[in-house]
N, C-alpha and C. Protein backbone atom coordinates (compact mmCIF):
# COMPACT_ATOMS: atom_id res chain seq x y z
N MET A 1 -20.46 37.45 -99.87
CA MET A 1 -21.41 38.35 -99.24
C MET A 1 -22.64 38.49 -100.13
N ASN A 2 -23.79 38.44 -99.51
CA ASN A 2 -25.05 38.50 -100.24
C ASN A 2 -25.33 39.93 -100.69
N ARG A 3 -25.62 40.11 -101.96
CA ARG A 3 -25.90 41.45 -102.51
C ARG A 3 -27.30 41.93 -102.19
N GLY A 4 -28.24 41.03 -102.08
CA GLY A 4 -29.62 41.40 -101.84
C GLY A 4 -30.54 40.23 -102.11
N THR A 5 -31.81 40.50 -102.11
CA THR A 5 -32.81 39.47 -102.34
C THR A 5 -33.70 39.88 -103.50
N VAL A 6 -33.99 38.92 -104.35
CA VAL A 6 -34.88 39.16 -105.49
C VAL A 6 -35.97 38.09 -105.48
N VAL A 7 -37.20 38.49 -105.77
CA VAL A 7 -38.32 37.56 -105.87
C VAL A 7 -38.67 37.41 -107.34
N ILE A 8 -38.69 36.18 -107.82
CA ILE A 8 -38.99 35.91 -109.23
C ILE A 8 -40.25 35.06 -109.30
N THR A 9 -41.29 35.60 -109.92
CA THR A 9 -42.51 34.82 -110.12
C THR A 9 -42.35 34.01 -111.40
N GLY A 10 -42.80 32.77 -111.38
CA GLY A 10 -42.63 31.90 -112.54
C GLY A 10 -41.23 31.35 -112.63
N GLY A 11 -40.61 31.08 -111.49
CA GLY A 11 -39.23 30.61 -111.45
C GLY A 11 -38.99 29.26 -112.10
N ALA A 12 -40.06 28.49 -112.33
CA ALA A 12 -39.91 27.18 -112.97
C ALA A 12 -40.02 27.25 -114.49
N GLY A 13 -40.41 28.40 -115.02
CA GLY A 13 -40.56 28.55 -116.46
C GLY A 13 -39.24 28.83 -117.16
N PHE A 14 -39.31 29.03 -118.45
CA PHE A 14 -38.10 29.24 -119.25
C PHE A 14 -37.37 30.51 -118.85
N LEU A 15 -38.06 31.64 -118.90
CA LEU A 15 -37.41 32.91 -118.55
C LEU A 15 -37.08 32.98 -117.07
N GLY A 16 -38.01 32.52 -116.23
CA GLY A 16 -37.80 32.58 -114.79
C GLY A 16 -36.59 31.78 -114.35
N SER A 17 -36.41 30.60 -114.92
CA SER A 17 -35.26 29.77 -114.53
C SER A 17 -33.95 30.41 -114.96
N HIS A 18 -33.94 31.07 -116.10
CA HIS A 18 -32.73 31.76 -116.53
C HIS A 18 -32.44 32.97 -115.66
N LEU A 19 -33.49 33.67 -115.24
CA LEU A 19 -33.30 34.79 -114.31
C LEU A 19 -32.75 34.29 -112.98
N CYS A 20 -33.26 33.16 -112.50
CA CYS A 20 -32.75 32.59 -111.25
C CYS A 20 -31.27 32.27 -111.38
N ASP A 21 -30.88 31.62 -112.46
CA ASP A 21 -29.47 31.30 -112.69
C ASP A 21 -28.62 32.56 -112.73
N TYR A 22 -29.11 33.59 -113.39
CA TYR A 22 -28.38 34.86 -113.51
C TYR A 22 -28.11 35.46 -112.14
N TYR A 23 -29.16 35.57 -111.33
CA TYR A 23 -28.99 36.21 -110.02
C TYR A 23 -28.19 35.35 -109.06
N ILE A 24 -28.38 34.04 -109.08
CA ILE A 24 -27.62 33.16 -108.20
C ILE A 24 -26.14 33.23 -108.52
N SER A 25 -25.80 33.30 -109.80
CA SER A 25 -24.38 33.37 -110.18
C SER A 25 -23.74 34.69 -109.77
N ARG A 26 -24.56 35.70 -109.51
CA ARG A 26 -24.05 37.00 -109.07
C ARG A 26 -24.26 37.23 -107.58
N ASP A 27 -24.43 36.11 -106.84
CA ASP A 27 -24.48 36.10 -105.38
C ASP A 27 -25.67 36.84 -104.80
N TRP A 28 -26.83 36.76 -105.45
CA TRP A 28 -28.07 37.29 -104.91
C TRP A 28 -28.83 36.14 -104.26
N LYS A 29 -29.65 36.45 -103.27
CA LYS A 29 -30.56 35.46 -102.71
C LYS A 29 -31.82 35.49 -103.56
N VAL A 30 -32.24 34.33 -104.07
CA VAL A 30 -33.38 34.25 -104.98
C VAL A 30 -34.53 33.52 -104.30
N ILE A 31 -35.70 34.13 -104.35
CA ILE A 31 -36.94 33.50 -103.90
C ILE A 31 -37.81 33.32 -105.14
N ALA A 32 -38.04 32.06 -105.52
CA ALA A 32 -38.83 31.76 -106.72
C ALA A 32 -40.23 31.33 -106.31
N ILE A 33 -41.22 31.92 -106.96
CA ILE A 33 -42.62 31.59 -106.69
C ILE A 33 -43.21 30.93 -107.92
């Protein structure tokens, strides 16, 4: 079940990519810009 949606700006950068991995592993829907 999806917990929610998070928008991450800079998803291709170092911190952004780690944030994407973090939220995806916890079953969040991630929108990276």
